[in-house]
Protein backbone atom coordinates (compact mmCIF):
# COMPACT_ATOMS: atom_id res chain seq x y z
CA UNK A 1 -16.09 1.54 -40.88
CA UNK A 2 -18.63 -0.90 -39.90
CA UNK A 3 -16.31 -2.36 -37.00
CA UNK A 4 -15.21 1.47 -35.68
CA UNK A 5 -19.47 2.17 -35.29
CA UNK A 6 -20.06 -1.19 -33.76
CA UNK A 7 -16.77 -0.89 -31.05
CA UNK A 8 -17.92 2.98 -30.52
CA UNK A 9 -21.67 1.74 -30.03
CA UNK A 10 -20.51 -1.20 -27.72
CA UNK A 11 -18.14 1.28 -25.64
CA UNK A 12 -20.99 3.85 -25.33
CA UNK A 13 -23.43 1.31 -23.94
CA UNK A 14 -20.70 -0.33 -21.64
CA UNK A 15 -19.81 3.14 -19.91
CA UNK A 16 -23.70 3.79 -19.94
CA UNK A 17 -24.34 0.84 -18.19
CA UNK A 18 -21.44 0.68 -15.72
CA UNK A 19 -22.23 4.38 -14.78
CA UNK A 20 -25.74 3.55 -14.12
CA UNK A 21 -25.20 0.31 -11.92
CA UNK A 22 -22.57 2.51 -10.22
CA UNK A 23 -24.48 5.43 -9.37
CA UNK A 24 -27.60 3.34 -8.13
CA UNK A 25 -25.85 0.57 -6.46
CA UNK A 26 -22.76 1.93 -5.10
CA UNK A 27 -22.63 6.21 -4.90
CA UNK A 28 -26.42 6.81 -4.50
CA UNK A 29 -27.10 4.58 -1.77
CA UNK A 30 -23.92 5.75 -0.09
CA UNK A 31 -25.30 9.56 -0.15
CA UNK A 32 -28.66 8.57 1.28
CA UNK A 33 -27.08 6.37 3.69
CA UNK A 34 -25.92 9.48 5.80
CA UNK A 35 -29.05 11.38 5.89
CA UNK A 36 -27.24 14.81 5.70
CA UNK A 37 -29.11 17.60 3.99
CA UNK A 38 -26.16 17.96 1.58
CA UNK A 39 -25.87 14.61 0.52
CA UNK A 40 -29.52 14.33 -0.23
CA UNK A 41 -29.15 17.12 -2.43
CA UNK A 42 -26.04 15.62 -4.13
CA UNK A 43 -28.10 12.62 -4.84
CA UNK A 44 -31.14 14.15 -6.03
CA UNK A 45 -28.53 16.33 -8.51
CA UNK A 46 -26.88 13.05 -9.65
CA UNK A 47 -30.01 11.62 -10.21
CA UNK A 48 -31.25 14.40 -12.43
CA UNK A 49 -27.99 14.47 -14.31
CA UNK A 50 -28.46 10.55 -14.83
CA UNK A 51 -32.18 11.34 -16.31
CA UNK A 52 -30.84 13.84 -18.57
CA UNK A 53 -28.18 11.53 -19.87
CA UNK A 54 -30.37 8.71 -20.40
CA UNK A 55 -32.81 11.10 -22.06
CA UNK A 56 -30.23 12.24 -24.37
CA UNK A 57 -28.98 9.16 -25.08
CA UNK A 58 -32.56 8.13 -26.13
CA UNK A 59 -32.84 10.83 -28.26
CA UNK A 60 -29.77 10.31 -29.98
CA UNK A 61 -30.47 6.63 -30.87
CA UNK A 62 -33.89 7.71 -32.22
CA UNK A 63 -32.44 10.57 -34.38
CA UNK A 64 -29.84 8.04 -35.71
CA UNK A 65 -32.23 5.27 -36.44
CA UNK A 66 -34.83 7.53 -37.96
CA UNK A 67 -33.27 10.76 -39.25
CA UNK A 68 -36.45 12.06 -40.69
CA UNK A 69 -38.62 11.63 -37.63
CA UNK A 70 -37.14 15.06 -36.19
CA UNK A 71 -39.60 17.40 -38.13
CA UNK A 72 -36.92 18.59 -40.79
CA UNK A 73 -37.86 19.55 -44.02
């Protein structure tokens, strides 16, 4: 059971880090390099989605490590 959890945690961290690196070093700069309005909007929306995923990931880590911190009864 421990090996399965560790594998899922490492896989999730790897996917998150590779997706973040891909967004900030490859996709995002290529969208902003064109300078067209649609590309800038796509870059803004993509960054907002990345922020939401990051926030959800942080909340998930906190709720998993401290289950009583959610204001439950």
